[in-house]
């Protein structure tokens, strides 16, 4: 496992500890990461957490 994978693995593990983040949002973030979709910046990650799905309004 590379550094990026380790960072995101820990990131997702920590997110699971917060009950305020719905499971479907976390699952979407994991899916986006695994599929290479646009969570490559901190702002996109935070926006995804806050909005649930940033692509919904498109």
PDB file of N, CA and C in Angstrom:
ATOM      1  N   UNK A   1       0.851  -1.177   0.000  1.00  0.00           N
ATOM      2  CA  UNK A   1       0.000   0.000   0.000  1.00  0.00           C
ATOM      3  C   UNK A   1       0.894   1.237   0.000  1.00  0.00           C
ATOM      4  N   UNK A   2       0.588   2.164  -0.907  1.00  0.00           N
ATOM      5  CA  UNK A   2       1.368   3.390  -1.001  1.00  0.00           C
ATOM      6  C   UNK A   2       0.939   4.421   0.036  1.00  0.00           C
ATOM      7  N   UNK A   3       1.664   5.504   0.081  1.00  0.00           N
ATOM      8  CA  UNK A   3       1.402   6.562   1.056  1.00  0.00           C
ATOM      9  C   UNK A   3      -0.001   7.137   0.872  1.00  0.00           C
ATOM     10  N   UNK A   4      -0.378   7.432  -0.373  1.00  0.00           N
ATOM     11  CA  UNK A   4      -1.707   7.994  -0.615  1.00  0.00           C
ATOM     12  C   UNK A   4      -2.802   7.051  -0.125  1.00  0.00           C
ATOM     13  N   UNK A   5      -2.662   5.775  -0.419  1.00  0.00           N
ATOM     14  CA  UNK A   5      -3.654   4.800   0.012  1.00  0.00           C
ATOM     15  C   UNK A   5      -3.733   4.736   1.533  1.00  0.00           C
ATOM     16  N   UNK A   6      -2.584   4.790   2.197  1.00  0.00           N
ATOM     17  CA  UNK A   6      -2.562   4.768   3.660  1.00  0.00           C
ATOM     18  C   UNK A   6      -3.242   6.007   4.240  1.00  0.00           C
ATOM     19  N   UNK A   7      -2.970   7.157   3.636  1.00  0.00           N
ATOM     20  CA  UNK A   7      -3.583   8.401   4.112  1.00  0.00           C
ATOM     21  C   UNK A   7      -5.099   8.323   3.984  1.00  0.00           C
ATOM     22  N   UNK A   8      -5.589   7.921   2.807  1.00  0.00           N
ATOM     23  CA  UNK A   8      -7.033   7.864   2.618  1.00  0.00           C
ATOM     24  C   UNK A   8      -7.673   6.740   3.419  1.00  0.00           C
ATOM     25  N   UNK A   9      -6.975   5.638   3.623  1.00  0.00           N
ATOM     26  CA  UNK A   9      -7.495   4.567   4.465  1.00  0.00           C
ATOM     27  C   UNK A   9      -7.728   5.088   5.882  1.00  0.00           C
ATOM     28  N   UNK A  10      -6.754   5.797   6.416  1.00  0.00           N
ATOM     29  CA  UNK A  10      -6.888   6.383   7.753  1.00  0.00           C
ATOM     30  C   UNK A  10      -7.964   7.469   7.759  1.00  0.00           C
ATOM     31  N   UNK A  11      -8.004   8.273   6.720  1.00  0.00           N
ATOM     32  CA  UNK A  11      -9.010   9.327   6.588  1.00  0.00           C
ATOM     33  C   UNK A  11     -10.416   8.734   6.654  1.00  0.00           C
ATOM     34  N   UNK A  12     -10.676   7.690   5.872  1.00  0.00           N
ATOM     35  CA  UNK A  12     -11.999   7.074   5.872  1.00  0.00           C
ATOM     36  C   UNK A  12     -12.298   6.383   7.199  1.00  0.00           C
ATOM     37  N   UNK A  13     -11.284   5.790   7.811  1.00  0.00           N
ATOM     38  CA  UNK A  13     -11.480   5.149   9.115  1.00  0.00           C
ATOM     39  C   UNK A  13     -11.904   6.183  10.154  1.00  0.00           C
ATOM     40  N   UNK A  14     -11.239   7.334  10.148  1.00  0.00           N
ATOM     41  CA  UNK A  14     -11.581   8.404  11.095  1.00  0.00           C
ATOM     42  C   UNK A  14     -12.975   8.963  10.815  1.00  0.00           C
ATOM     43  N   UNK A  15     -13.319   9.119   9.539  1.00  0.00           N
ATOM     44  CA  UNK A  15     -14.649   9.633   9.205  1.00  0.00           C
ATOM     45  C   UNK A  15     -15.753   8.718   9.727  1.00  0.00           C
ATOM     46  N   UNK A  16     -15.510   7.421   9.732  1.00  0.00           N
ATOM     47  CA  UNK A  16     -16.510   6.470  10.216  1.00  0.00           C
ATOM     48  C   UNK A  16     -16.824   6.674  11.691  1.00  0.00           C
ATOM     49  N   UNK A  17     -15.902   7.274  12.433  1.00  0.00           N
ATOM     50  CA  UNK A  17     -16.103   7.500  13.862  1.00  0.00           C
ATOM     51  C   UNK A  17     -17.093   8.628  14.137  1.00  0.00           C
ATOM     52  N   UNK A  18     -17.328   9.498  13.153  1.00  0.00           N
ATOM     53  CA  UNK A  18     -18.216  10.637  13.336  1.00  0.00           C
ATOM     54  C   UNK A  18     -19.628  10.282  12.896  1.00  0.00           C
ATOM     55  N   UNK A  19     -20.551  10.273  13.855  1.00  0.00           N
ATOM     56  CA  UNK A  19     -21.929   9.917  13.546  1.00  0.00           C
ATOM     57  C   UNK A  19     -22.631  10.983  12.718  1.00  0.00           C
ATOM     58  N   UNK A  20     -22.077  12.214  12.702  1.00  0.00           N
ATOM     59  CA  UNK A  20     -22.705  13.296  11.951  1.00  0.00           C
ATOM     60  C   UNK A  20     -22.604  13.082  10.443  1.00  0.00           C
ATOM     61  N   UNK A  21     -21.676  12.269  10.016  1.00  0.00           N
ATOM     62  CA  UNK A  21     -21.490  12.016   8.589  1.00  0.00           C
ATOM     63  C   UNK A  21     -22.304  10.779   8.215  1.00  0.00           C
ATOM     64  N   UNK A  22     -23.326  10.966   7.382  1.00  0.00           N
ATOM     65  CA  UNK A  22     -24.164   9.823   6.991  1.00  0.00           C
ATOM     66  C   UNK A  22     -23.349   8.749   6.272  1.00  0.00           C
ATOM     67  N   UNK A  23     -23.731   7.500   6.491  1.00  0.00           N
ATOM     68  CA  UNK A  23     -23.018   6.374   5.886  1.00  0.00           C
ATOM     69  C   UNK A  23     -23.023   6.465   4.361  1.00  0.00           C
ATOM     70  N   UNK A  24     -24.138   6.905   3.781  1.00  0.00           N
ATOM     71  CA  UNK A  24     -24.189   6.989   2.320  1.00  0.00           C
ATOM     72  C   UNK A  24     -23.203   8.024   1.773  1.00  0.00           C
ATOM     73  N   UNK A  25     -22.946   9.097   2.520  1.00  0.00           N
ATOM     74  CA  UNK A  25     -21.963  10.097   2.104  1.00  0.00           C
ATOM     75  C   UNK A  25     -20.568   9.493   2.162  1.00  0.00           C
ATOM     76  N   UNK A  26     -20.279   8.783   3.239  1.00  0.00           N
ATOM     77  CA  UNK A  26     -18.976   8.138   3.378  1.00  0.00           C
ATOM     78  C   UNK A  26     -18.772   7.088   2.284  1.00  0.00           C
ATOM     79  N   UNK A  27     -19.812   6.302   2.017  1.00  0.00           N
ATOM     80  CA  UNK A  27     -19.717   5.302   0.949  1.00  0.00           C
ATOM     81  C   UNK A  27     -19.461   5.957  -0.404  1.00  0.00           C
ATOM     82  N   UNK A  28     -20.120   7.105  -0.642  1.00  0.00           N
ATOM     83  CA  UNK A  28     -19.911   7.827  -1.894  1.00  0.00           C
ATOM     84  C   UNK A  28     -18.472   8.327  -1.998  1.00  0.00           C
ATOM     85  N   UNK A  29     -17.944   8.869  -0.910  1.00  0.00           N
ATOM     86  CA  UNK A  29     -16.556   9.345  -0.916  1.00  0.00           C
ATOM     87  C   UNK A  29     -15.583   8.205  -1.203  1.00  0.00           C
ATOM     88  N   UNK A  30     -15.815   7.058  -0.548  1.00  0.00           N
ATOM     89  CA  UNK A  30     -14.946   5.896  -0.783  1.00  0.00           C
ATOM     90  C   UNK A  30     -15.010   5.470  -2.244  1.00  0.00           C
ATOM     91  N   UNK A  31     -16.220   5.434  -2.777  1.00  0.00           N
ATOM     92  CA  UNK A  31     -16.404   5.039  -4.171  1.00  0.00           C
ATOM     93  C   UNK A  31     -15.699   6.008  -5.111  1.00  0.00           C
ATOM     94  N   UNK A  32     -15.842   7.307  -4.835  1.00  0.00           N
ATOM     95  CA  UNK A  32     -15.176   8.317  -5.661  1.00  0.00           C
ATOM     96  C   UNK A  32     -13.661   8.140  -5.601  1.00  0.00           C
ATOM     97  N   UNK A  33     -13.135   7.893  -4.424  1.00  0.00           N
ATOM     98  CA  UNK A  33     -11.687   7.697  -4.282  1.00  0.00           C
ATOM     99  C   UNK A  33     -11.241   6.456  -5.058  1.00  0.00           C
ATOM    100  N   UNK A  34     -11.956   5.351  -4.863  1.00  0.00           N
ATOM    101  CA  UNK A  34     -11.567   4.096  -5.498  1.00  0.00           C
ATOM    102  C   UNK A  34     -11.673   4.164  -7.016  1.00  0.00           C
ATOM    103  N   UNK A  35     -12.612   4.964  -7.520  1.00  0.00           N
ATOM    104  CA  UNK A  35     -12.815   5.083  -8.965  1.00  0.00           C
ATOM    105  C   UNK A  35     -12.079   6.266  -9.578  1.00  0.00           C
ATOM    106  N   UNK A  36     -11.318   6.984  -8.755  1.00  0.00           N
ATOM    107  CA  UNK A  36     -10.540   8.107  -9.264  1.00  0.00           C
ATOM    108  C   UNK A  36     -11.353   9.342  -9.581  1.00  0.00           C
ATOM    109  N   UNK A  37     -12.582   9.411  -9.053  1.00  0.00           N
ATOM    110  CA  UNK A  37     -13.401  10.596  -9.310  1.00  0.00           C
ATOM    111  C   UNK A  37     -12.875  11.768  -8.504  1.00  0.00           C
ATOM    112  N   UNK A  38     -13.470  12.930  -8.691  1.00  0.00           N
ATOM    113  CA  UNK A  38     -12.898  14.197  -8.242  1.00  0.00           C
ATOM    114  C   UNK A  38     -12.968  14.477  -6.745  1.00  0.00           C
ATOM    115  N   UNK A  39     -12.208  13.762  -5.952  1.00  0.00           N
ATOM    116  CA  UNK A  39     -12.044  14.147  -4.549  1.00  0.00           C
ATOM    117  C   UNK A  39     -10.577  14.450  -4.295  1.00  0.00           C
ATOM    118  N   UNK A  40      -9.913  14.931  -5.329  1.00  0.00           N
ATOM    119  CA  UNK A  40      -8.467  15.101  -5.249  1.00  0.00           C
ATOM    120  C   UNK A  40      -8.021  16.361  -4.527  1.00  0.00           C
ATOM    121  N   UNK A  41      -8.940  17.201  -4.088  1.00  0.00           N
ATOM    122  CA  UNK A  41      -8.540  18.375  -3.331  1.00  0.00           C
ATOM    123  C   UNK A  41      -9.282  18.412  -2.013  1.00  0.00           C
ATOM    124  N   UNK A  42      -8.698  19.091  -1.061  1.00  0.00           N
ATOM    125  CA  UNK A  42      -9.331  19.217   0.249  1.00  0.00           C
ATOM    126  C   UNK A  42     -10.716  19.840   0.119  1.00  0.00           C
ATOM    127  N   UNK A  43     -10.845  20.867  -0.708  1.00  0.00           N
ATOM    128  CA  UNK A  43     -12.137  21.532  -0.877  1.00  0.00           C
ATOM    129  C   UNK A  43     -13.197  20.589  -1.426  1.00  0.00           C
ATOM    130  N   UNK A  44     -12.837  19.745  -2.375  1.00  0.00           N
ATOM    131  CA  UNK A  44     -13.801  18.789  -2.913  1.00  0.00           C
ATOM    132  C   UNK A  44     -14.203  17.761  -1.873  1.00  0.00           C
ATOM    133  N   UNK A  45     -13.256  17.327  -1.047  1.00  0.00           N
ATOM    134  CA  UNK A  45     -13.575  16.373   0.016  1.00  0.00           C
ATOM    135  C   UNK A  45     -14.538  17.010   1.007  1.00  0.00           C
ATOM    136  N   UNK A  46     -14.213  18.220   1.473  1.00  0.00           N
ATOM    137  CA  UNK A  46     -15.073  18.905   2.435  1.00  0.00           C
ATOM    138  C   UNK A  46     -16.442  19.180   1.820  1.00  0.00           C
ATOM    139  N   UNK A  47     -16.471  19.612   0.578  1.00  0.00           N
ATOM    140  CA  UNK A  47     -17.746  19.882  -0.095  1.00  0.00           C
ATOM    141  C   UNK A  47     -18.573  18.603  -0.202  1.00  0.00           C
ATOM    142  N   UNK A  48     -17.935  17.493  -0.522  1.00  0.00           N
ATOM    143  CA  UNK A  48     -18.647  16.223  -0.613  1.00  0.00           C
ATOM    144  C   UNK A  48     -19.247  15.834   0.723  1.00  0.00           C
ATOM    145  N   UNK A  49     -18.514  16.068   1.798  1.00  0.00           N
ATOM    146  CA  UNK A  49     -19.018  15.748   3.133  1.00  0.00           C
ATOM    147  C   UNK A  49     -20.207  16.639   3.472  1.00  0.00           C
ATOM    148  N   UNK A  50     -20.082  17.935   3.209  1.00  0.00           N
ATOM    149  CA  UNK A  50     -21.141  18.886   3.560  1.00  0.00           C
ATOM    150  C   UNK A  50     -22.398  18.706   2.723  1.00  0.00           C
ATOM    151  N   UNK A  51     -22.246  18.464   1.436  1.00  0.00           N
ATOM    152  CA  UNK A  51     -23.386  18.423   0.530  1.00  0.00           C
ATOM    153  C   UNK A  51     -23.902  17.021   0.259  1.00  0.00           C
ATOM    154  N   UNK A  52     -23.141  16.024   0.562  1.00  0.00           N
ATOM    155  CA  UNK A  52     -23.550  14.655   0.281  1.00  0.00           C
ATOM    156  C   UNK A  52     -23.089  14.215  -1.095  1.00  0.00           C
ATOM    157  N   UNK A  53     -23.544  14.907  -2.130  1.00  0.00           N
ATOM    158  CA  UNK A  53     -23.127  14.594  -3.493  1.00  0.00           C
ATOM    159  C   UNK A  53     -23.020  15.889  -4.275  1.00  0.00           C
ATOM    160  N   UNK A  54     -21.803  16.378  -4.498  1.00  0.00           N
ATOM    161  CA  UNK A  54     -21.632  17.657  -5.176  1.00  0.00           C
ATOM    162  C   UNK A  54     -22.099  17.650  -6.626  1.00  0.00           C
ATOM    163  N   UNK A  55     -22.312  16.489  -7.216  1.00  0.00           N
ATOM    164  CA  UNK A  55     -22.748  16.411  -8.607  1.00  0.00           C
ATOM    165  C   UNK A  55     -24.267  16.393  -8.748  1.00  0.00           C
ATOM    166  N   UNK A  56     -24.998  16.330  -7.644  1.00  0.00           N
ATOM    167  CA  UNK A  56     -26.452  16.254  -7.700  1.00  0.00           C
ATOM    168  C   UNK A  56     -27.080  17.436  -8.420  1.00  0.00           C
ATOM    169  N   UNK A  57     -26.543  18.630  -8.226  1.00  0.00           N
ATOM    170  CA  UNK A  57     -27.151  19.818  -8.798  1.00  0.00           C
ATOM    171  C   UNK A  57     -26.779  20.051 -10.259  1.00  0.00           C
ATOM    172  N   UNK A  58     -25.993  19.197 -10.849  1.00  0.00           N
ATOM    173  CA  UNK A  58     -25.577  19.368 -12.251  1.00  0.00           C
ATOM    174  C   UNK A  58     -26.578  18.720 -13.178  1.00  0.00           C
TER     175      UNK A  58
END
